[in-house]
Structure formats: structure tokens, C-alpha cells
Amino acid sequence: MEIVNGRKLLCGQILKPDQLAVGQTWAPASGSDRTVKITGIDGDWVRYEWEEGGSTVSHEKDAFSFQCRYCLVMDV
């Protein structure tokens, strides 16, 4: 666990795909204060979204790539 921008994040670990869940909040590993929310899981693929400029942006990555980019927010 690391504290980044006042949030407790699970960093440096790759969870099994069955440990990911719709509704979880994740933060960019870069330390940005933005967050993304998992909206769907299909096998090893994770769908997620975030707000940008007043619009909702959606994207999809395989579970490993998603976790290389984002850290689970533990204190939401």
C-alpha cells in the first residue's frame, strides 16, 4: 500500500482477474488525482470509464494491462 495524493492505493501487485469487480475505483499509477471506475468485466477484459471535460469516456484493456496502468483505491 502507498499513500498517493492522500489516497491509500494498492500498488505493485497484479490481482487475479476474479479479484477485480464492477464498481471498484482505480487511480493512475502515475500519481494523477483522476480516478476510473470498472464498469464491466468479460473474462480477462476490463471495461472502465472516467469523466473528462464534462463527458464520460470509456475504454477497455486486458486485466494485466489495466493493472499496469492503474492502482486499486483502498479508501473509497
Protein backbone atom coordinates (compact mmCIF):
# COMPACT_ATOMS: atom_id res chain seq x y z
CA MET A 1 0.00 0.00 0.00
CA GLU A 2 1.12 3.52 -0.76
CA ILE A 3 -0.40 6.91 0.04
CA VAL A 4 -0.62 8.94 -3.19
CA ASN A 5 -2.45 12.29 -3.29
CA GLY A 6 -3.98 11.45 0.10
CA ARG A 7 -5.41 8.13 -1.13
CA LYS A 8 -4.44 4.66 0.02
CA LEU A 9 -3.54 2.70 -3.15
CA LEU A 10 -2.66 -0.94 -3.70
CA CYS A 11 0.39 -0.64 -5.97
CA GLY A 12 2.98 -3.05 -7.31
CA GLN A 13 0.73 -6.11 -7.35
CA ILE A 14 -1.21 -7.82 -10.12
CA LEU A 15 -4.50 -9.22 -8.87
CA LYS A 16 -6.15 -12.24 -10.43
CA PRO A 17 -8.96 -11.26 -12.82
CA ASP A 18 -11.54 -12.76 -10.42
CA GLN A 19 -10.39 -10.27 -7.75
CA LEU A 20 -11.45 -7.33 -9.92
CA ALA A 21 -15.05 -6.18 -9.55
CA VAL A 22 -17.52 -3.85 -11.20
CA GLY A 23 -17.72 -0.63 -9.19
CA GLN A 24 -14.11 -0.66 -7.96
CA THR A 25 -12.31 2.68 -8.14
CA TRP A 26 -8.75 2.75 -9.50
CA ALA A 27 -6.20 5.56 -9.80
CA PRO A 28 -3.49 6.07 -12.42
CA ALA A 29 -0.15 4.62 -11.34
CA SER A 30 1.41 7.90 -12.49
CA GLY A 31 0.05 9.60 -9.36
CA SER A 32 -2.60 11.69 -11.12
CA ASP A 33 -5.59 12.61 -8.95
CA ARG A 34 -8.04 11.31 -11.59
CA THR A 35 -9.84 8.03 -10.93
CA VAL A 36 -11.51 5.44 -13.13
CA LYS A 37 -14.32 3.05 -12.24
CA ILE A 38 -14.67 -0.52 -13.50
CA THR A 39 -17.98 -0.82 -15.36
CA GLY A 40 -17.70 -4.35 -16.72
CA ILE A 41 -15.60 -7.48 -16.76
CA ASP A 42 -15.70 -10.06 -19.53
CA GLY A 43 -13.26 -12.87 -18.89
CA ASP A 44 -9.83 -11.24 -18.83
CA TRP A 45 -11.09 -7.90 -20.23
CA VAL A 46 -11.88 -4.88 -18.06
CA ARG A 47 -14.18 -2.05 -19.18
CA TYR A 48 -13.76 1.21 -17.27
CA GLU A 49 -14.73 4.86 -17.50
CA TRP A 50 -13.83 8.31 -16.22
CA GLU A 51 -15.08 11.87 -16.53
CA GLU A 52 -13.22 14.22 -18.84
CA GLY A 53 -14.37 17.68 -19.87
CA GLY A 54 -17.94 17.02 -18.78
CA SER A 55 -18.19 13.77 -20.74
CA THR A 56 -17.85 10.13 -19.75
CA VAL A 57 -15.00 8.34 -21.51
CA SER A 58 -15.00 4.53 -21.72
CA HIS A 59 -12.11 2.23 -22.51
CA GLU A 60 -11.20 -1.46 -22.32
CA LYS A 61 -7.95 -3.32 -21.57
CA ASP A 62 -6.98 -6.84 -20.62
CA ALA A 63 -6.72 -7.24 -16.83
CA PHE A 64 -2.90 -7.31 -16.78
CA SER A 65 -2.51 -4.16 -18.89
CA PHE A 66 -5.20 -2.38 -16.86
CA GLN A 67 -3.35 -3.11 -13.62
CA CYS A 68 -0.02 -1.99 -15.09
CA ARG A 69 -1.66 1.41 -15.67
CA TYR A 70 -3.90 1.71 -12.58
CA CYS A 71 -3.75 1.00 -8.82
CA LEU A 72 -6.75 -0.05 -6.72
CA VAL A 73 -8.01 2.73 -4.43
CA MET A 74 -8.44 1.17 -0.99
CA ASP A 75 -10.06 4.04 0.92
CA VAL A 76 -13.19 4.82 -1.11
